[in-house]
Structure formats: structure tokens, C-alpha cells
């Protein structure tokens, strides 16, 4: 069984990958409003998940701890 830290980290990585993939898609399909809404929902999800992880386990990256 995957522990909570690993589980949350894997979920964060999956959401971050989806964000990156949607950015690439929207570079070539800028008028796809459905995918833009999906991108924004993933960004909101990531913004909620990241503080949850960092409050329990510390910064996920160097930029997280510095306020960049």
C-alpha cells in the first residue's frame, strides 16, 4: 500500500502533468474553450493540493519555500 505522502505526491505529479499537457495542446488549439476550462480546473486543483502537501511534508520544490 502506498503511504499518504507518496500518494499525495503522485497525485500532484499527475495534475501537474495534465496542466503541462493541456498547455501544449492549447498552443496549437487556442480556441478550444472546453480544454481551457479543463486547464483552469486542474490549476485550481493543484493550487489546493500543493499547500496540503507542503504543510505536512515541507516544500515540494526550491521555489515553493522561497515564495517565488
N, C-alpha and C. Protein backbone atom coordinates (compact mmCIF):
# COMPACT_ATOMS: atom_id res chain seq x y z
N UNK A 1 0.84 -1.19 0.00
CA UNK A 1 0.00 0.00 0.00
C UNK A 1 0.88 1.25 0.00
N UNK A 2 0.51 2.22 -0.80
CA UNK A 2 1.26 3.46 -0.90
C UNK A 2 0.93 4.34 0.30
N UNK A 3 1.97 4.89 0.93
CA UNK A 3 1.70 5.76 2.07
C UNK A 3 1.11 7.09 1.62
N UNK A 4 0.60 7.84 2.57
CA UNK A 4 -0.11 9.08 2.27
C UNK A 4 0.79 10.08 1.55
N UNK A 5 2.04 10.22 1.99
CA UNK A 5 2.96 11.17 1.36
C UNK A 5 3.17 10.81 -0.12
N UNK A 6 3.46 9.56 -0.37
CA UNK A 6 3.69 9.12 -1.76
C UNK A 6 2.43 9.26 -2.60
N UNK A 7 1.29 8.92 -2.02
CA UNK A 7 0.03 9.02 -2.73
C UNK A 7 -0.26 10.46 -3.13
N UNK A 8 -0.12 11.38 -2.18
CA UNK A 8 -0.38 12.79 -2.47
C UNK A 8 0.63 13.33 -3.48
N UNK A 9 1.90 12.93 -3.35
CA UNK A 9 2.92 13.39 -4.29
C UNK A 9 2.63 12.88 -5.70
N UNK A 10 2.21 11.64 -5.83
CA UNK A 10 1.87 11.09 -7.15
C UNK A 10 0.66 11.82 -7.75
N UNK A 11 -0.33 12.13 -6.92
CA UNK A 11 -1.49 12.88 -7.41
C UNK A 11 -1.07 14.28 -7.88
N UNK A 12 -0.19 14.93 -7.12
CA UNK A 12 0.31 16.24 -7.53
C UNK A 12 1.04 16.16 -8.86
N UNK A 13 1.87 15.14 -9.01
CA UNK A 13 2.61 14.97 -10.26
C UNK A 13 1.67 14.74 -11.44
N UNK A 14 0.62 13.96 -11.22
CA UNK A 14 -0.34 13.69 -12.29
C UNK A 14 -1.08 14.96 -12.70
N UNK A 15 -1.48 15.76 -11.73
CA UNK A 15 -2.18 17.01 -12.05
C UNK A 15 -1.23 17.97 -12.76
N UNK A 16 0.01 18.05 -12.28
CA UNK A 16 0.99 18.93 -12.92
C UNK A 16 1.25 18.49 -14.36
N UNK A 17 1.31 17.18 -14.61
CA UNK A 17 1.48 16.68 -15.97
C UNK A 17 0.29 17.07 -16.84
N UNK A 18 -0.93 16.93 -16.31
CA UNK A 18 -2.13 17.30 -17.07
C UNK A 18 -2.11 18.78 -17.43
N UNK A 19 -1.67 19.61 -16.49
CA UNK A 19 -1.57 21.05 -16.75
C UNK A 19 -0.59 21.30 -17.89
N UNK A 20 0.57 20.67 -17.82
CA UNK A 20 1.59 20.86 -18.86
C UNK A 20 1.07 20.36 -20.22
N UNK A 21 0.43 19.21 -20.23
CA UNK A 21 -0.09 18.64 -21.47
C UNK A 21 -1.17 19.54 -22.08
N UNK A 22 -2.04 20.06 -21.25
CA UNK A 22 -3.08 20.96 -21.75
C UNK A 22 -2.49 22.27 -22.28
N UNK A 23 -1.43 22.76 -21.64
CA UNK A 23 -0.75 23.95 -22.16
C UNK A 23 -0.23 23.69 -23.58
N UNK A 24 0.39 22.53 -23.75
CA UNK A 24 0.92 22.19 -25.08
C UNK A 24 -0.21 22.08 -26.10
N UNK A 25 -1.30 21.45 -25.73
CA UNK A 25 -2.45 21.30 -26.62
C UNK A 25 -3.01 22.67 -27.00
N UNK A 26 -3.13 23.53 -26.01
CA UNK A 26 -3.72 24.85 -26.28
C UNK A 26 -2.81 25.75 -27.11
N UNK A 27 -1.51 25.43 -27.15
CA UNK A 27 -0.62 26.16 -28.05
C UNK A 27 -1.03 25.99 -29.51
N UNK A 28 -1.57 24.81 -29.83
CA UNK A 28 -1.96 24.53 -31.22
C UNK A 28 -3.47 24.60 -31.43
N UNK A 29 -4.23 24.71 -30.34
CA UNK A 29 -5.70 24.79 -30.42
C UNK A 29 -6.20 25.89 -29.48
N UNK A 30 -5.80 27.13 -29.73
CA UNK A 30 -6.10 28.22 -28.78
C UNK A 30 -7.59 28.53 -28.63
N UNK A 31 -8.43 28.08 -29.53
CA UNK A 31 -9.86 28.40 -29.45
C UNK A 31 -10.70 27.30 -28.79
N UNK A 32 -10.05 26.30 -28.22
CA UNK A 32 -10.77 25.19 -27.58
C UNK A 32 -11.14 25.59 -26.15
N UNK A 33 -12.32 26.16 -26.01
CA UNK A 33 -12.77 26.66 -24.70
C UNK A 33 -12.96 25.55 -23.68
N UNK A 34 -13.37 24.38 -24.14
CA UNK A 34 -13.56 23.26 -23.22
C UNK A 34 -12.24 22.86 -22.55
N UNK A 35 -11.18 22.80 -23.35
CA UNK A 35 -9.87 22.42 -22.80
C UNK A 35 -9.30 23.55 -21.93
N UNK A 36 -9.62 24.78 -22.26
CA UNK A 36 -9.19 25.90 -21.42
C UNK A 36 -9.86 25.83 -20.05
N UNK A 37 -11.13 25.49 -20.03
CA UNK A 37 -11.84 25.32 -18.74
C UNK A 37 -11.24 24.14 -17.96
N UNK A 38 -10.91 23.07 -18.67
CA UNK A 38 -10.29 21.93 -18.02
C UNK A 38 -8.93 22.31 -17.42
N UNK A 39 -8.15 23.06 -18.18
CA UNK A 39 -6.86 23.54 -17.69
C UNK A 39 -7.04 24.36 -16.41
N UNK A 40 -7.97 25.25 -16.43
CA UNK A 40 -8.21 26.09 -15.25
C UNK A 40 -8.66 25.27 -14.05
N UNK A 41 -9.45 24.24 -14.29
CA UNK A 41 -9.89 23.39 -13.16
C UNK A 41 -8.71 22.61 -12.59
N UNK A 42 -7.79 22.15 -13.45
CA UNK A 42 -6.60 21.45 -12.95
C UNK A 42 -5.70 22.42 -12.18
N UNK A 43 -5.58 23.65 -12.65
CA UNK A 43 -4.78 24.64 -11.94
C UNK A 43 -5.35 24.91 -10.56
N UNK A 44 -6.67 25.01 -10.45
CA UNK A 44 -7.31 25.21 -9.15
C UNK A 44 -7.07 24.01 -8.24
N UNK A 45 -7.19 22.83 -8.79
CA UNK A 45 -6.96 21.61 -8.02
C UNK A 45 -5.53 21.57 -7.50
N UNK A 46 -4.57 21.89 -8.36
CA UNK A 46 -3.16 21.88 -7.96
C UNK A 46 -2.91 22.93 -6.87
N UNK A 47 -3.52 24.10 -7.04
CA UNK A 47 -3.34 25.17 -6.05
C UNK A 47 -3.89 24.78 -4.68
N UNK A 48 -4.88 23.90 -4.63
CA UNK A 48 -5.41 23.43 -3.35
C UNK A 48 -4.58 22.28 -2.78
N UNK A 49 -4.07 21.42 -3.67
CA UNK A 49 -3.32 20.25 -3.23
C UNK A 49 -1.92 20.59 -2.74
N UNK A 50 -1.27 21.56 -3.38
CA UNK A 50 0.11 21.87 -3.04
C UNK A 50 0.27 22.34 -1.60
N UNK A 51 -0.53 23.29 -1.11
CA UNK A 51 -0.38 23.69 0.30
C UNK A 51 -0.66 22.54 1.27
N UNK A 52 -1.57 21.65 0.89
CA UNK A 52 -1.86 20.49 1.74
C UNK A 52 -0.61 19.63 1.89
N UNK A 53 0.06 19.38 0.79
CA UNK A 53 1.29 18.58 0.82
C UNK A 53 2.37 19.31 1.60
N UNK A 54 2.59 20.58 1.28
CA UNK A 54 3.69 21.33 1.88
C UNK A 54 3.49 21.57 3.38
N UNK A 55 2.26 21.70 3.82
CA UNK A 55 2.04 21.91 5.25
C UNK A 55 2.37 20.65 6.04
N UNK A 56 2.24 19.50 5.42
CA UNK A 56 2.53 18.24 6.10
C UNK A 56 3.96 17.75 5.90
N UNK A 57 4.52 17.99 4.71
CA UNK A 57 5.79 17.36 4.35
C UNK A 57 6.89 18.33 3.94
N UNK A 58 6.62 19.63 3.93
CA UNK A 58 7.63 20.61 3.53
C UNK A 58 7.52 20.95 2.06
N UNK A 59 8.36 21.90 1.61
CA UNK A 59 8.30 22.36 0.22
C UNK A 59 8.55 21.24 -0.78
N UNK A 60 7.80 21.28 -1.85
CA UNK A 60 7.95 20.29 -2.92
C UNK A 60 9.11 20.64 -3.85
N UNK A 61 9.38 21.94 -3.94
CA UNK A 61 10.50 22.39 -4.79
C UNK A 61 11.19 23.57 -4.13
N UNK A 62 12.31 23.97 -4.67
CA UNK A 62 13.05 25.11 -4.13
C UNK A 62 12.20 26.37 -4.19
N UNK A 63 11.49 26.57 -5.30
CA UNK A 63 10.67 27.77 -5.47
C UNK A 63 9.52 27.82 -4.46
N UNK A 64 9.03 26.66 -4.04
CA UNK A 64 7.91 26.63 -3.08
C UNK A 64 8.27 27.28 -1.76
N UNK A 65 9.46 27.05 -1.28
CA UNK A 65 9.86 27.57 0.02
C UNK A 65 10.28 29.02 0.00
N UNK A 66 10.61 29.56 -1.17
CA UNK A 66 11.14 30.92 -1.24
C UNK A 66 10.10 31.97 -1.56
N UNK A 67 8.89 31.54 -1.88
CA UNK A 67 7.84 32.48 -2.22
C UNK A 67 7.92 33.00 -3.64
N UNK A 68 8.71 32.32 -4.49
CA UNK A 68 8.86 32.73 -5.90
C UNK A 68 7.62 32.42 -6.68
